[in-house]
Amino acid sequence: MKMVKNCSNCGLGIPQSDGQISCFKYRTLNKADEDKTSCLFHIETVLEDGVPLLPMQHLLLKEVEIKQRGMIGPLGPN
């Protein structure tokens, strides 16, 4: 079964006190359960020694992944 892509399970999401999630990449506030199926930068939270990586580290991992796929998008040409 595939995991649902939403802001609450994204490594770029930063939980806020009001229950919303702040997106590190896009600097937006979203509902925790907001569907992000079409979000190019959605990345499942990566744990290292049981601790989640920082949002910046998740962003770097995702940018490398996108670049390796040959997708130009927001990263610009090679």
Protein backbone atom coordinates (compact mmCIF):
# COMPACT_ATOMS: atom_id res chain seq x y z
CA MET A 1 0.00 0.00 0.00
CA LYS A 2 1.37 3.37 -1.02
CA MET A 3 1.69 6.13 1.58
CA VAL A 4 -0.55 9.14 1.07
CA LYS A 5 1.43 12.25 0.20
CA ASN A 6 0.48 15.06 2.53
CA CYS A 7 2.24 17.79 4.44
CA SER A 8 2.27 15.93 7.75
CA ASN A 9 4.48 13.12 6.39
CA CYS A 10 6.83 15.32 4.35
CA GLY A 11 10.39 15.96 5.49
CA LEU A 12 10.03 19.57 4.36
CA GLY A 13 7.06 20.19 6.66
CA ILE A 14 7.55 22.10 9.89
CA PRO A 15 4.64 21.64 12.35
CA GLN A 16 3.18 24.87 13.72
CA SER A 17 1.45 25.40 17.08
CA ASP A 18 -1.94 25.87 15.36
CA GLY A 19 -1.78 22.42 13.75
CA GLN A 20 -0.81 23.66 10.30
CA ILE A 21 2.40 22.69 8.51
CA SER A 22 4.87 25.25 7.18
CA CYS A 23 6.54 24.15 3.94
CA PHE A 24 10.30 24.75 4.06
CA LYS A 25 10.58 24.78 0.24
CA TYR A 26 7.59 26.90 -0.75
CA ARG A 27 7.21 28.97 2.46
CA THR A 28 3.48 28.25 2.62
CA LEU A 29 1.16 27.21 5.45
CA ASN A 30 -0.91 24.11 4.72
CA LYS A 31 -3.32 21.83 6.52
CA ALA A 32 -1.51 18.76 7.87
CA ASP A 33 -3.71 16.42 5.84
CA GLU A 34 -3.63 18.48 2.62
CA ASP A 35 -3.17 16.26 -0.43
CA LYS A 36 0.25 16.79 -2.00
CA THR A 37 0.12 14.04 -4.64
CA SER A 38 1.27 16.50 -7.29
CA CYS A 39 4.02 18.14 -5.19
CA LEU A 40 7.37 17.58 -6.92
CA PHE A 41 9.30 18.18 -3.69
CA HIS A 42 7.36 15.87 -1.35
CA ILE A 43 9.83 13.59 0.45
CA GLU A 44 9.09 11.07 3.17
CA THR A 45 10.79 11.97 6.44
CA VAL A 46 14.24 10.38 6.64
CA LEU A 47 15.50 9.28 10.06
CA GLU A 48 19.15 9.04 11.03
CA ASP A 49 19.80 7.25 14.33
CA GLY A 50 16.09 7.63 15.09
CA VAL A 51 16.15 11.40 14.61
CA PRO A 52 14.55 13.11 11.57
CA LEU A 53 16.87 15.03 9.28
CA LEU A 54 16.42 18.81 9.22
CA PRO A 55 14.13 20.27 6.51
CA MET A 56 17.20 21.75 4.75
CA GLN A 57 18.77 18.28 4.58
CA HIS A 58 15.55 16.84 3.15
CA LEU A 59 15.48 19.61 0.54
CA LEU A 60 19.06 18.88 -0.51
CA LEU A 61 18.27 15.16 -0.84
CA LYS A 62 15.21 15.88 -2.96
CA GLU A 63 17.07 18.36 -5.20
CA VAL A 64 19.77 15.75 -5.86
CA GLU A 65 17.10 13.15 -6.66
CA ILE A 66 15.34 15.49 -9.08
CA LYS A 67 18.60 16.48 -10.75
CA GLN A 68 19.59 12.81 -11.17
CA ARG A 69 16.29 12.15 -12.92
CA GLY A 70 17.18 14.85 -15.42
CA MET A 71 14.22 17.00 -14.53
CA ILE A 72 15.00 20.65 -15.04
CA GLY A 73 12.00 22.30 -13.33
CA PRO A 74 12.80 24.86 -10.63
CA LEU A 75 16.46 23.87 -10.43
CA GLY A 76 17.30 25.33 -13.82
CA PRO A 77 19.29 23.71 -16.64
CA ASN A 78 22.25 21.43 -15.88
